[in-house]
Protein backbone atom coordinates (compact mmCIF):
# COMPACT_ATOMS: atom_id res chain seq x y z
CA MET A 1 -0.06 0.05 0.07
CA THR A 2 1.25 3.49 -0.86
CA VAL A 3 0.51 7.01 -0.46
CA VAL A 4 1.60 9.75 -3.01
CA LEU A 5 1.60 13.37 -2.01
CA ALA A 6 1.03 15.81 -5.01
CA GLY A 7 1.69 19.46 -5.15
CA VAL A 8 -1.37 21.25 -6.59
CA GLY A 9 -3.24 24.65 -6.58
CA ALA A 10 -2.68 28.20 -7.77
CA ASP A 11 0.40 29.98 -6.75
CA THR A 12 2.71 32.95 -7.49
CA THR A 13 3.94 31.28 -10.77
CA ASN A 14 0.44 31.01 -12.39
CA LEU A 15 -1.95 33.21 -10.42
CA GLY A 16 0.40 35.73 -9.03
CA ALA A 17 -0.70 35.10 -5.54
CA LEU A 18 -1.18 32.26 -2.90
CA ALA A 19 -4.51 31.23 -1.61
CA PRO A 20 -5.18 32.56 2.06
CA LEU A 21 -5.13 30.55 5.37
CA TYR A 22 -7.28 32.34 7.95
CA ASP A 23 -6.76 32.41 11.72
CA ASP A 24 -9.73 30.19 12.48
CA GLY A 25 -8.21 27.33 10.41
CA ARG A 26 -10.35 27.93 7.32
CA PHE A 27 -8.52 28.27 3.92
CA GLU A 28 -9.14 28.61 0.21
CA TYR A 29 -8.33 25.95 -2.44
CA VAL A 30 -8.04 27.70 -5.90
CA PRO A 31 -7.14 25.61 -8.80
CA ILE A 32 -4.53 26.86 -11.32
CA PRO A 33 -5.83 28.92 -14.38
CA GLU A 34 -6.19 26.78 -17.41
CA LYS A 35 -3.34 27.09 -19.94
CA THR A 36 -5.84 27.31 -22.73
CA PRO A 37 -9.35 28.51 -23.27
CA GLU A 38 -10.23 25.43 -25.28
CA THR A 39 -11.73 23.35 -22.49
CA ASP A 40 -15.18 22.01 -21.49
CA GLU A 41 -14.61 23.33 -17.92
CA THR A 42 -17.18 25.76 -16.83
CA GLU A 43 -15.59 26.94 -13.68
CA THR A 44 -13.85 30.24 -14.17
CA LEU A 45 -11.84 32.61 -12.09
CA GLY A 46 -14.84 34.66 -11.66
CA SER A 47 -17.29 31.92 -10.84
CA TRP A 48 -14.96 30.06 -8.25
CA ASP A 49 -16.47 31.22 -4.98
CA LEU A 50 -14.10 31.59 -2.07
CA ARG A 51 -15.18 29.50 0.82
CA ALA A 52 -14.48 31.79 3.68
CA THR A 53 -15.06 35.31 2.46
CA ASP A 54 -17.29 36.97 -0.09
CA GLY A 55 -15.50 37.11 -3.39
CA THR A 56 -14.11 34.87 -6.10
CA ALA A 57 -10.77 33.54 -7.26
CA ALA A 58 -10.49 36.50 -9.52
CA ASP A 59 -10.44 38.89 -6.48
CA LEU A 60 -6.92 37.39 -5.56
CA THR A 61 -5.11 38.79 -8.58
CA THR A 62 -5.18 41.37 -11.25
CA ARG A 63 -3.71 39.59 -14.15
CA ILE A 64 -2.46 36.14 -15.27
CA ALA A 65 -0.17 34.96 -18.07
CA PRO A 66 -1.78 31.44 -18.63
CA GLN A 67 0.81 29.97 -20.98
CA PRO A 68 3.48 27.40 -19.82
CA ILE A 69 6.38 28.91 -18.03
CA GLY A 70 8.89 30.24 -20.43
CA ASP A 71 6.09 30.98 -23.12
CA ALA A 72 4.11 33.63 -21.41
CA ASP A 73 2.99 35.46 -24.52
CA ARG A 74 -0.63 36.06 -23.42
CA THR A 75 -1.65 38.33 -20.40
CA VAL A 76 -5.30 38.25 -19.22
CA ALA A 77 -6.66 41.02 -17.20
CA GLY A 78 -9.87 42.89 -16.52
CA ASP A 79 -13.19 41.41 -17.59
CA ALA A 80 -11.24 38.55 -19.57
CA LEU A 81 -9.71 37.47 -16.25
CA GLU A 82 -13.14 36.67 -14.69
CA SER A 83 -14.14 34.56 -17.58
CA TRP A 84 -10.91 32.61 -17.86
CA PRO A 85 -11.32 28.91 -17.12
CA LEU A 86 -9.79 27.06 -14.32
CA HIS A 87 -7.89 23.77 -14.45
CA ARG A 88 -9.79 22.21 -11.85
CA ASP A 89 -7.18 19.44 -10.95
CA PRO A 90 -7.79 17.91 -8.51
CA ASN A 91 -11.65 17.96 -8.69
CA PHE A 92 -12.57 17.35 -5.15
CA ALA A 93 -16.28 17.28 -5.97
CA ALA A 94 -15.84 14.51 -8.59
CA LEU A 95 -12.75 12.85 -6.82
CA THR A 96 -10.53 12.79 -10.08
CA TYR A 97 -7.09 14.01 -10.68
CA GLY A 98 -4.83 13.99 -13.70
CA GLU A 99 -1.06 14.58 -14.04
CA HIS A 100 1.56 14.90 -16.96
CA ARG A 101 4.59 16.29 -14.85
CA THR A 102 7.62 13.98 -15.53
CA SER A 103 9.49 14.96 -12.28
CA GLY A 104 8.65 11.87 -10.44
CA TYR A 105 4.70 12.41 -10.67
CA VAL A 106 3.84 10.23 -13.68
CA ASP A 107 6.00 7.26 -12.60
CA ARG A 108 4.72 7.44 -8.85
CA LEU A 109 1.11 7.90 -9.75
CA ARG A 110 0.72 5.36 -12.30
CA ALA A 111 1.96 2.66 -9.89
CA LEU A 112 -0.86 3.30 -7.63
CA GLU A 113 -3.62 0.59 -7.09
CA PRO A 114 -7.05 0.69 -5.83
CA GLY A 115 -7.15 1.39 -2.07
CA ASP A 116 -3.86 3.47 -2.16
CA VAL A 117 -4.18 7.26 -1.43
CA VAL A 118 -3.32 10.56 -3.18
CA GLY A 119 -2.79 13.38 -0.83
CA PHE A 120 -2.78 16.88 -2.10
CA TYR A 121 -0.72 19.90 -0.80
CA THR A 122 -0.60 23.49 -1.79
CA GLY A 123 0.91 26.81 -0.66
CA LEU A 124 -1.03 28.98 1.70
CA ARG A 125 -0.47 32.40 3.13
CA ARG A 126 -1.83 34.06 6.19
CA PRO A 127 -3.43 37.41 5.31
CA ASP A 128 -1.43 39.06 8.19
CA GLY A 129 1.73 38.50 6.22
CA ASP A 130 3.36 35.45 8.02
CA ARG A 131 5.53 33.41 5.87
CA ALA A 132 3.73 31.07 3.38
CA HIS A 133 4.08 27.33 3.71
CA ARG A 134 3.07 24.12 2.01
CA TYR A 135 0.03 22.55 3.60
CA LEU A 136 -1.72 19.24 3.09
CA ILE A 137 -5.40 20.24 2.18
CA GLY A 138 -7.07 16.92 1.43
CA TYR A 139 -7.05 13.47 -0.16
CA PHE A 140 -8.83 10.74 -1.76
CA THR A 141 -8.63 6.92 -1.97
CA VAL A 142 -7.60 5.54 -5.25
CA ASP A 143 -10.37 3.77 -7.35
CA ARG A 144 -9.03 3.54 -10.82
CA VAL A 145 -5.83 4.59 -12.56
CA ASP A 146 -5.39 4.89 -16.31
CA VAL A 147 -2.58 6.28 -18.56
CA VAL A 148 -3.37 8.09 -21.76
CA ASP A 149 -0.34 8.36 -24.14
CA PRO A 150 0.10 10.12 -27.38
CA ALA A 151 1.57 6.89 -28.78
CA GLN A 152 -1.79 5.12 -28.38
CA SER A 153 -4.36 5.02 -31.18
CA ARG A 154 -6.80 7.84 -31.35
CA ALA A 155 -9.60 5.35 -30.47
CA ASP A 156 -7.75 4.08 -27.25
CA ARG A 157 -7.15 7.65 -26.23
CA GLU A 158 -10.61 8.71 -26.79
CA ALA A 159 -12.00 5.61 -24.80
CA ILE A 160 -9.69 6.41 -21.78
CA LEU A 161 -10.67 9.95 -21.85
CA ALA A 162 -14.19 9.26 -22.13
CA ALA A 163 -14.00 7.11 -18.90
CA HIS A 164 -12.83 10.08 -16.91
CA PRO A 165 -15.37 12.91 -18.06
CA ASP A 166 -14.78 15.16 -14.98
CA ASN A 167 -11.03 15.19 -15.14
CA ALA A 168 -9.48 18.51 -16.24
CA HIS A 169 -7.11 16.83 -18.77
CA ALA A 170 -10.03 15.08 -20.48
CA LYS A 171 -11.89 18.42 -20.54
CA ARG A 172 -9.23 20.09 -22.43
CA ALA A 173 -8.48 17.22 -24.81
CA ARG A 174 -9.68 17.61 -28.41
CA ASP A 175 -10.76 14.74 -30.54
CA GLY A 176 -8.48 12.50 -28.50
CA GLU A 177 -5.45 14.90 -28.64
CA LEU A 178 -4.01 15.89 -25.46
CA TYR A 179 -3.01 19.46 -24.75
CA LEU A 180 0.53 18.56 -24.33
CA GLU A 181 2.23 15.57 -26.14
CA LYS A 182 3.00 13.84 -22.91
CA PRO A 183 1.78 10.77 -21.12
CA VAL A 184 -1.03 11.73 -18.59
CA VAL A 185 -2.07 9.67 -15.57
CA LEU A 186 -5.87 9.87 -14.96
CA ILE A 187 -6.96 8.89 -11.39
CA ASP A 188 -10.46 8.53 -10.25
CA GLY A 189 -10.96 8.35 -6.58
CA ARG A 190 -13.61 7.12 -4.02
CA GLU A 191 -14.34 7.91 -0.42
CA PRO A 192 -12.87 8.32 2.21
CA GLY A 193 -11.50 11.43 0.79
CA GLY A 194 -12.17 14.96 -0.04
CA LEU A 195 -11.10 18.59 0.63
CA PHE A 196 -10.49 19.49 4.26
CA ASP A 197 -13.06 21.87 5.60
CA ARG A 198 -10.39 23.62 7.72
CA HIS A 199 -7.00 23.11 9.60
CA PRO A 200 -4.68 22.03 6.90
CA ILE A 201 -1.39 20.25 8.00
CA ARG A 202 1.84 22.19 7.39
CA LEU A 203 4.43 20.09 5.64
CA SER A 204 7.12 22.57 5.18
CA ASP A 205 9.76 24.40 7.20
CA TYR A 206 11.94 27.37 6.01
CA TYR A 207 15.49 27.72 6.98
CA THR A 208 19.00 28.14 5.85
CA LYS A 209 21.08 24.84 5.70
CA PRO A 210 24.69 25.08 6.86
CA GLY A 211 26.89 26.00 3.93
CA ASN A 212 23.99 27.64 1.90
CA GLU A 213 23.48 31.26 1.46
CA ARG A 214 19.78 31.24 0.98
CA SER A 215 16.89 29.94 3.00
CA GLN A 216 14.58 27.36 1.16
CA TYR A 217 11.40 25.44 1.94
CA TYR A 218 12.07 21.84 3.05
CA LEU A 219 9.77 18.96 4.09
CA ARG A 220 9.48 18.91 7.78
CA GLU A 221 11.43 16.14 9.32
CA GLU A 222 8.41 15.02 11.31
CA VAL A 223 6.51 14.43 8.12
CA ALA A 224 9.38 12.48 6.58
CA THR A 225 9.59 10.20 9.61
CA ASP A 226 5.85 9.95 10.59
CA TRP A 227 4.63 9.33 6.94
CA ALA A 228 7.62 7.01 6.00
CA VAL A 229 8.58 9.32 2.98
CA ARG A 230 10.68 7.18 0.72
CA ALA A 231 10.85 9.35 -2.47
CA GLY A 232 10.67 12.92 -3.36
CA GLY A 233 13.64 14.42 -1.58
CA GLU A 234 13.44 17.08 1.06
CA ASN A 235 13.43 20.44 -1.06
CA MET A 236 9.91 21.67 -1.47
CA MET A 237 10.72 24.82 -3.56
CA TYR A 238 9.05 23.05 -6.68
CA LYS A 239 6.19 20.84 -5.32
CA PRO A 240 7.82 17.37 -5.79
CA ALA A 241 5.78 14.22 -5.60
CA TYR A 242 6.46 12.29 -2.45
CA ARG A 243 5.97 8.59 -2.09
CA CYS A 244 5.09 7.50 1.44
CA ALA A 245 5.38 3.76 2.59
CA LEU A 246 2.25 4.10 4.54
CA SER A 247 -1.11 2.30 4.24
CA GLY A 248 -4.33 4.18 3.42
CA ASP A 249 -5.68 3.40 6.89
CA ALA A 250 -2.59 4.71 8.61
CA PHE A 251 -2.44 7.75 6.50
CA ARG A 252 -6.30 8.55 7.34
CA ARG A 253 -5.56 8.06 11.01
CA ARG A 254 -2.60 10.40 10.84
CA VAL A 255 -4.62 13.20 8.98
CA GLY A 256 -7.92 12.93 10.57
CA PRO A 257 -11.38 13.42 8.99
CA THR A 258 -12.03 15.86 6.00
CA ASP A 259 -15.00 17.40 7.97
CA ASP A 260 -15.54 18.75 11.32
CA ARG A 261 -11.74 19.17 11.76
CA THR A 262 -10.27 20.61 14.89
CA VAL A 263 -6.79 22.26 15.43
CA GLU A 264 -5.61 18.92 16.93
CA HIS A 265 -6.01 17.26 13.45
CA ALA A 266 -3.49 19.67 12.03
CA ARG A 267 -0.80 18.49 14.48
CA LEU A 268 1.43 15.57 13.46
CA THR A 269 1.43 12.47 15.43
CA ALA A 270 3.85 9.57 15.39
CA ASP A 271 1.51 6.85 16.93
CA GLU A 272 2.56 3.28 15.89
CA ALA A 273 4.57 4.71 13.03
CA ALA A 274 7.09 1.96 13.02
CA ALA A 275 4.37 -0.83 13.07
CA GLU A 276 2.34 0.62 10.23
CA THR A 277 4.97 1.53 7.67
CA THR A 278 6.89 -0.83 5.09
CA ASP A 279 9.91 -0.27 3.02
């Protein structure tokens, strides 16, 4: 049994801002802006309601450049900003997630089996200006894993995409053609799972390592130990995919419920860690 932790959500590279974490433990999950307007997704920056305050995701920024990094030739602002679609990935309502990143993501996610877990973390910032950190904001139990590959026949690609109609990658595919010429892992989930209602779990620390000149974000040692992290490294600057040698049941006990969360659920525990992990 395996748990993979995936870095998701809008941040300064794609939205120009991080979603807020409030003093009462509530927080906002904002998907990244879609890179293309050619999608069947109906949620936009202007329709995505914030959970804890009045307003929408569009209120968090003034402009976006929704092209891949290094090819930001389009700037969207004003009224066009509100109508720009979101890349709703993960979709916590439908419990589906897709991924094409090759930096450990595709390999680790495609190896998941039914009953395993995908946990999702994102960057959050407190409105009073405290340092931002990476936080676990939810998870779901794996039900089905498929891989759609540009090398497959069009019929095969279309069949796989049709089996995941709520997935953001399926919504922006056109006639079986993926947005990028990369393999995409498509994961449908089942309960238990969902977006936390409040009190996310902080996964990062920020400090300067001996011999380094600059501080960086690193995976907290308590997380690496208690959740039996076996792959992904310790540097959290670029949202690595972490593989944890932890059963789904053990992970769920660690993180607590998705609803009716208390501040205690945001605190790490090491209860029976050695007995519940495997190499």
